[in-house]
Amino acid sequence: MIQAIEDFSVRELSLIQDTLKERFGREIPIEMADSEIRLQPDDRELTLCPVLFWTVEPAHFVLFKTGKSLYRCQFFYRPHEQFGTGVKEYENVGDCVIALLKIQEEQSAKL
């Protein structure tokens, strides 16, 4: 049986949208989805997690909600080029998004 994590709240979505607008200077469309993932490598059960996805060329960003006030994130340019922040999980969605955007900005400067 698949467990489920509650969706992103209006407050979380607003904070994420405000952070993206501040970083990119414009509204960034955010897509909402769900993903079945193992929260721990040795979990037998999958957990249905809400996911947010957005693109600011050339990068694609993914933010997973993995529990109440728990978040994971990554970005990628191509499916085989995935990058994280070095932190497995955040307890604050704002910290998660800011770290993700900072690491992506540093990575893009290297391109």
N, C-alpha and C. Protein backbone atom coordinates (compact mmCIF):
# COMPACT_ATOMS: atom_id res chain seq x y z
N MET A 1 0.84 -1.19 0.00
CA MET A 1 0.00 0.00 0.00
C MET A 1 0.88 1.24 0.00
N ILE A 2 0.48 2.24 -0.77
CA ILE A 2 1.24 3.48 -0.87
C ILE A 2 0.75 4.47 0.17
N GLN A 3 1.68 4.98 0.97
CA GLN A 3 1.36 6.04 1.92
C GLN A 3 1.35 7.36 1.15
N ALA A 4 0.72 8.38 1.69
CA ALA A 4 0.66 9.66 1.00
C ALA A 4 1.06 10.80 1.94
N ILE A 5 1.74 11.78 1.38
CA ILE A 5 2.13 13.00 2.08
C ILE A 5 1.15 14.09 1.63
N GLU A 6 0.76 14.95 2.55
CA GLU A 6 -0.19 16.01 2.19
C GLU A 6 0.43 16.99 1.19
N ASP A 7 -0.43 17.60 0.38
CA ASP A 7 0.01 18.54 -0.65
C ASP A 7 0.68 19.77 -0.05
N PHE A 8 1.36 20.51 -0.91
CA PHE A 8 1.93 21.79 -0.51
C PHE A 8 0.79 22.72 -0.09
N SER A 9 1.00 23.46 0.97
CA SER A 9 -0.02 24.40 1.45
C SER A 9 0.02 25.68 0.62
N VAL A 10 -1.02 26.47 0.73
CA VAL A 10 -1.08 27.77 0.05
C VAL A 10 0.09 28.63 0.51
N ARG A 11 0.41 28.58 1.79
CA ARG A 11 1.53 29.35 2.33
C ARG A 11 2.86 28.91 1.71
N GLU A 12 3.07 27.60 1.62
CA GLU A 12 4.31 27.08 1.02
C GLU A 12 4.41 27.50 -0.45
N LEU A 13 3.32 27.35 -1.19
CA LEU A 13 3.32 27.72 -2.61
C LEU A 13 3.60 29.21 -2.80
N SER A 14 3.00 30.03 -1.96
CA SER A 14 3.21 31.47 -2.04
C SER A 14 4.67 31.83 -1.76
N LEU A 15 5.24 31.22 -0.74
CA LEU A 15 6.65 31.47 -0.40
C LEU A 15 7.57 31.06 -1.56
N ILE A 16 7.30 29.92 -2.16
CA ILE A 16 8.11 29.44 -3.28
C ILE A 16 7.97 30.39 -4.47
N GLN A 17 6.75 30.78 -4.81
CA GLN A 17 6.54 31.69 -5.93
C GLN A 17 7.21 33.04 -5.69
N ASP A 18 7.10 33.57 -4.46
CA ASP A 18 7.74 34.85 -4.14
C ASP A 18 9.26 34.74 -4.26
N THR A 19 9.82 33.63 -3.81
CA THR A 19 11.28 33.43 -3.88
C THR A 19 11.74 33.35 -5.33
N LEU A 20 10.99 32.62 -6.16
CA LEU A 20 11.35 32.52 -7.58
C LEU A 20 11.24 33.87 -8.28
N LYS A 21 10.20 34.63 -7.96
CA LYS A 21 10.04 35.95 -8.58
C LYS A 21 11.18 36.88 -8.18
N GLU A 22 11.58 36.80 -6.92
CA GLU A 22 12.70 37.63 -6.46
C GLU A 22 13.99 37.25 -7.18
N ARG A 23 14.23 35.96 -7.35
CA ARG A 23 15.47 35.48 -7.99
C ARG A 23 15.51 35.78 -9.49
N PHE A 24 14.38 35.56 -10.18
CA PHE A 24 14.38 35.67 -11.64
C PHE A 24 13.74 36.96 -12.17
N GLY A 25 13.14 37.75 -11.29
CA GLY A 25 12.57 39.02 -11.70
C GLY A 25 11.27 38.92 -12.48
N ARG A 26 10.64 37.76 -12.43
CA ARG A 26 9.37 37.56 -13.14
C ARG A 26 8.66 36.35 -12.54
N GLU A 27 7.38 36.22 -12.86
CA GLU A 27 6.62 35.05 -12.43
C GLU A 27 7.15 33.81 -13.15
N ILE A 28 7.36 32.76 -12.44
CA ILE A 28 7.80 31.48 -13.00
C ILE A 28 6.65 30.49 -12.85
N PRO A 29 6.16 29.93 -13.97
CA PRO A 29 5.10 28.93 -13.86
C PRO A 29 5.60 27.68 -13.13
N ILE A 30 4.81 27.23 -12.18
CA ILE A 30 5.14 26.03 -11.40
C ILE A 30 4.12 24.95 -11.71
N GLU A 31 4.59 23.77 -12.04
CA GLU A 31 3.73 22.61 -12.29
C GLU A 31 3.66 21.78 -11.02
N MET A 32 2.48 21.23 -10.74
CA MET A 32 2.30 20.35 -9.58
C MET A 32 2.11 18.93 -10.07
N ALA A 33 2.70 17.99 -9.35
CA ALA A 33 2.59 16.57 -9.71
C ALA A 33 2.73 15.74 -8.44
N ASP A 34 2.71 14.44 -8.61
CA ASP A 34 2.96 13.50 -7.51
C ASP A 34 4.00 12.50 -7.98
N SER A 35 4.76 11.98 -7.05
CA SER A 35 5.77 10.98 -7.37
C SER A 35 5.76 9.91 -6.29
N GLU A 36 5.92 8.68 -6.69
CA GLU A 36 6.03 7.57 -5.74
C GLU A 36 7.51 7.32 -5.51
N ILE A 37 7.96 7.54 -4.27
CA ILE A 37 9.37 7.37 -3.97
C ILE A 37 9.54 6.57 -2.67
N ARG A 38 10.72 6.04 -2.50
CA ARG A 38 11.10 5.43 -1.22
C ARG A 38 11.76 6.54 -0.40
N LEU A 39 11.22 6.79 0.76
CA LEU A 39 11.78 7.85 1.58
C LEU A 39 13.13 7.47 2.16
N GLN A 40 13.33 6.17 2.38
CA GLN A 40 14.62 5.65 2.84
C GLN A 40 15.04 4.55 1.87
N PRO A 41 16.33 4.39 1.63
CA PRO A 41 16.77 3.38 0.66
C PRO A 41 16.26 1.97 0.94
N ASP A 42 16.08 1.62 2.23
CA ASP A 42 15.65 0.27 2.55
C ASP A 42 14.14 0.13 2.74
N ASP A 43 13.37 1.19 2.46
CA ASP A 43 11.91 1.11 2.55
C ASP A 43 11.37 0.11 1.53
N ARG A 44 10.41 -0.70 1.94
CA ARG A 44 9.73 -1.61 1.02
C ARG A 44 8.54 -0.92 0.38
N GLU A 45 7.92 -0.02 1.13
CA GLU A 45 6.73 0.68 0.66
C GLU A 45 7.12 1.98 -0.04
N LEU A 46 6.35 2.32 -1.07
CA LEU A 46 6.51 3.61 -1.73
C LEU A 46 5.64 4.63 -1.02
N THR A 47 6.06 5.87 -1.06
CA THR A 47 5.28 6.96 -0.48
C THR A 47 4.93 7.93 -1.60
N LEU A 48 3.67 8.30 -1.69
CA LEU A 48 3.21 9.26 -2.68
C LEU A 48 3.50 10.66 -2.16
N CYS A 49 4.39 11.36 -2.85
CA CYS A 49 4.82 12.69 -2.43
C CYS A 49 4.42 13.74 -3.44
N PRO A 50 3.95 14.90 -2.98
CA PRO A 50 3.69 16.00 -3.90
C PRO A 50 5.03 16.55 -4.41
N VAL A 51 5.00 16.98 -5.65
CA VAL A 51 6.21 17.48 -6.30
C VAL A 51 5.87 18.78 -7.02
N LEU A 52 6.79 19.72 -6.96
CA LEU A 52 6.69 20.94 -7.76
C LEU A 52 7.82 20.92 -8.77
N PHE A 53 7.52 21.40 -9.99
CA PHE A 53 8.49 21.37 -11.08
C PHE A 53 8.40 22.71 -11.81
N TRP A 54 9.56 23.29 -12.09
CA TRP A 54 9.57 24.50 -12.90
C TRP A 54 10.84 24.52 -13.73
N THR A 55 10.80 25.31 -14.80
CA THR A 55 11.93 25.40 -15.71
C THR A 55 12.30 26.86 -15.92
N VAL A 56 13.57 27.15 -15.80
CA VAL A 56 14.14 28.43 -16.20
C VAL A 56 15.34 28.03 -17.04
N GLU A 57 15.17 28.09 -18.36
CA GLU A 57 16.18 27.57 -19.28
C GLU A 57 17.56 28.04 -18.91
N PRO A 58 18.52 27.14 -18.93
CA PRO A 58 18.43 25.76 -19.38
C PRO A 58 18.17 24.76 -18.26
N ALA A 59 17.83 25.24 -17.06
CA ALA A 59 17.71 24.34 -15.91
C ALA A 59 16.26 23.97 -15.62
N HIS A 60 16.08 22.75 -15.11
CA HIS A 60 14.79 22.24 -14.66
C HIS A 60 14.93 21.95 -13.16
N PHE A 61 13.94 22.37 -12.38
CA PHE A 61 14.00 22.27 -10.93
C PHE A 61 12.89 21.35 -10.43
N VAL A 62 13.19 20.56 -9.40
CA VAL A 62 12.22 19.65 -8.80
C VAL A 62 12.29 19.80 -7.28
N LEU A 63 11.12 19.93 -6.67
CA LEU A 63 11.02 20.06 -5.22
C LEU A 63 10.00 19.03 -4.72
N PHE A 64 10.46 18.11 -3.86
CA PHE A 64 9.62 17.06 -3.30
C PHE A 64 9.23 17.44 -1.87
N LYS A 65 8.00 17.23 -1.51
CA LYS A 65 7.58 17.34 -0.11
C LYS A 65 7.54 15.92 0.42
N THR A 66 8.41 15.62 1.39
CA THR A 66 8.58 14.25 1.85
C THR A 66 7.99 14.00 3.24
N GLY A 67 7.35 14.99 3.80
CA GLY A 67 6.72 14.86 5.11
C GLY A 67 6.22 16.22 5.54
N LYS A 68 5.66 16.27 6.73
CA LYS A 68 5.22 17.56 7.26
C LYS A 68 6.47 18.40 7.52
N SER A 69 6.60 19.48 6.78
CA SER A 69 7.77 20.38 6.87
C SER A 69 9.08 19.65 6.55
N LEU A 70 9.06 18.75 5.55
CA LEU A 70 10.27 18.08 5.08
C LEU A 70 10.30 18.17 3.55
N TYR A 71 11.48 18.55 3.00
CA TYR A 71 11.58 18.82 1.57
C TYR A 71 12.92 18.33 1.03
N ARG A 72 12.90 17.85 -0.22
CA ARG A 72 14.11 17.48 -0.95
C ARG A 72 14.07 18.22 -2.29
N CYS A 73 15.24 18.49 -2.83
CA CYS A 73 15.25 19.24 -4.08
C CYS A 73 16.43 18.83 -4.96
N GLN A 74 16.29 19.14 -6.24
CA GLN A 74 17.37 18.91 -7.18
C GLN A 74 17.09 19.74 -8.43
N PHE A 75 18.11 19.92 -9.24
CA PHE A 75 17.92 20.53 -10.55
C PHE A 75 18.72 19.74 -11.55
N PHE A 76 18.37 19.90 -12.81
CA PHE A 76 19.11 19.20 -13.85
C PHE A 76 19.03 19.98 -15.15
N TYR A 77 20.01 19.75 -15.99
CA TYR A 77 20.03 20.33 -17.33
C TYR A 77 19.54 19.29 -18.34
N ARG A 78 20.04 18.09 -18.17
CA ARG A 78 19.59 16.92 -18.94
C ARG A 78 19.39 15.81 -17.92
N PRO A 79 18.56 14.81 -18.25
CA PRO A 79 18.27 13.77 -17.25
C PRO A 79 19.50 13.12 -16.62
N HIS A 80 20.60 13.03 -17.35
CA HIS A 80 21.79 12.40 -16.77
C HIS A 80 22.70 13.41 -16.07
N GLU A 81 22.30 14.67 -15.99
CA GLU A 81 23.05 15.71 -15.29
C GLU A 81 22.22 16.25 -14.15
N GLN A 82 22.14 15.53 -13.04
CA GLN A 82 21.33 15.94 -11.91
C GLN A 82 22.22 16.47 -10.79
N PHE A 83 21.75 17.54 -10.15
CA PHE A 83 22.51 18.19 -9.09
C PHE A 83 21.62 18.41 -7.88
N GLY A 84 22.20 18.28 -6.72
CA GLY A 84 21.49 18.56 -5.47
C GLY A 84 22.25 19.63 -4.71
N THR A 85 21.83 19.87 -3.49
CA THR A 85 22.47 20.89 -2.66
C THR A 85 23.49 20.31 -1.69
N GLY A 86 23.52 18.99 -1.59
CA GLY A 86 24.39 18.35 -0.61
C GLY A 86 23.69 18.10 0.71
N VAL A 87 22.45 18.57 0.83
CA VAL A 87 21.64 18.34 2.03
C VAL A 87 20.52 17.38 1.64
N LYS A 88 20.39 16.28 2.38
CA LYS A 88 19.39 15.27 2.02
C LYS A 88 17.98 15.80 2.14
N GLU A 89 17.69 16.51 3.24
CA GLU A 89 16.33 16.95 3.49
C GLU A 89 16.35 18.25 4.29
N TYR A 90 15.44 19.14 3.95
CA TYR A 90 15.29 20.42 4.64
C TYR A 90 14.02 20.41 5.48
N GLU A 91 14.03 21.17 6.58
CA GLU A 91 12.85 21.29 7.42
C GLU A 91 12.09 22.59 7.15
N ASN A 92 12.63 23.41 6.25
CA ASN A 92 12.01 24.70 5.91
C ASN A 92 12.01 24.83 4.40
N VAL A 93 10.83 25.03 3.81
CA VAL A 93 10.73 25.09 2.35
C VAL A 93 11.50 26.28 1.79
N GLY A 94 11.51 27.40 2.50
CA GLY A 94 12.26 28.58 2.04
C GLY A 94 13.75 28.30 1.97
N ASP A 95 14.30 27.68 3.00
CA ASP A 95 15.72 27.33 3.00
C ASP A 95 16.04 26.38 1.85
N CYS A 96 15.14 25.44 1.59
CA CYS A 96 15.34 24.46 0.53
C CYS A 96 15.41 25.15 -0.84
N VAL A 97 14.45 26.01 -1.12
CA VAL A 97 14.41 26.69 -2.42
C VAL A 97 15.59 27.64 -2.58
N ILE A 98 15.90 28.39 -1.55
CA ILE A 98 17.04 29.33 -1.63
C ILE A 98 18.34 28.58 -1.87
N ALA A 99 18.56 27.48 -1.16
CA ALA A 99 19.79 26.68 -1.37
C ALA A 99 19.83 26.13 -2.79
N LEU A 100 18.70 25.63 -3.27
CA LEU A 100 18.64 25.07 -4.62
C LEU A 100 18.97 26.14 -5.66
N LEU A 101 18.40 27.31 -5.53
CA LEU A 101 18.65 28.39 -6.49
C LEU A 101 20.10 28.87 -6.42
N LYS A 102 20.66 28.91 -5.22
CA LYS A 102 22.05 29.34 -5.06
C LYS A 102 23.01 28.34 -5.73
N ILE A 103 22.80 27.06 -5.49
CA ILE A 103 23.67 26.03 -6.09
C ILE A 103 23.54 26.05 -7.61
N GLN A 104 22.32 26.22 -8.11
CA GLN A 104 22.12 26.27 -9.56
C GLN A 104 22.81 27.49 -10.15
N GLU A 105 22.74 28.62 -9.48
CA GLU A 105 23.40 29.83 -9.97
C GLU A 105 24.91 29.62 -10.02
N GLU A 106 25.48 29.00 -8.99
CA GLU A 106 26.91 28.70 -8.98
C GLU A 106 27.29 27.74 -10.10
N GLN A 107 26.45 26.73 -10.31
CA GLN A 107 26.72 25.75 -11.36
C GLN A 107 26.63 26.40 -12.74
N SER A 108 25.65 27.26 -12.93
CA SER A 108 25.48 27.89 -14.24
C SER A 108 26.63 28.82 -14.57
N ALA A 109 27.27 29.39 -13.55
CA ALA A 109 28.44 30.26 -13.78
C ALA A 109 29.62 29.46 -14.31
N LYS A 110 29.64 28.14 -14.04
CA LYS A 110 30.71 27.27 -14.52
C LYS A 110 30.52 26.83 -15.97
N LEU A 111 29.29 26.98 -16.49
CA LEU A 111 29.00 26.52 -17.86
C LEU A 111 29.59 27.42 -18.91
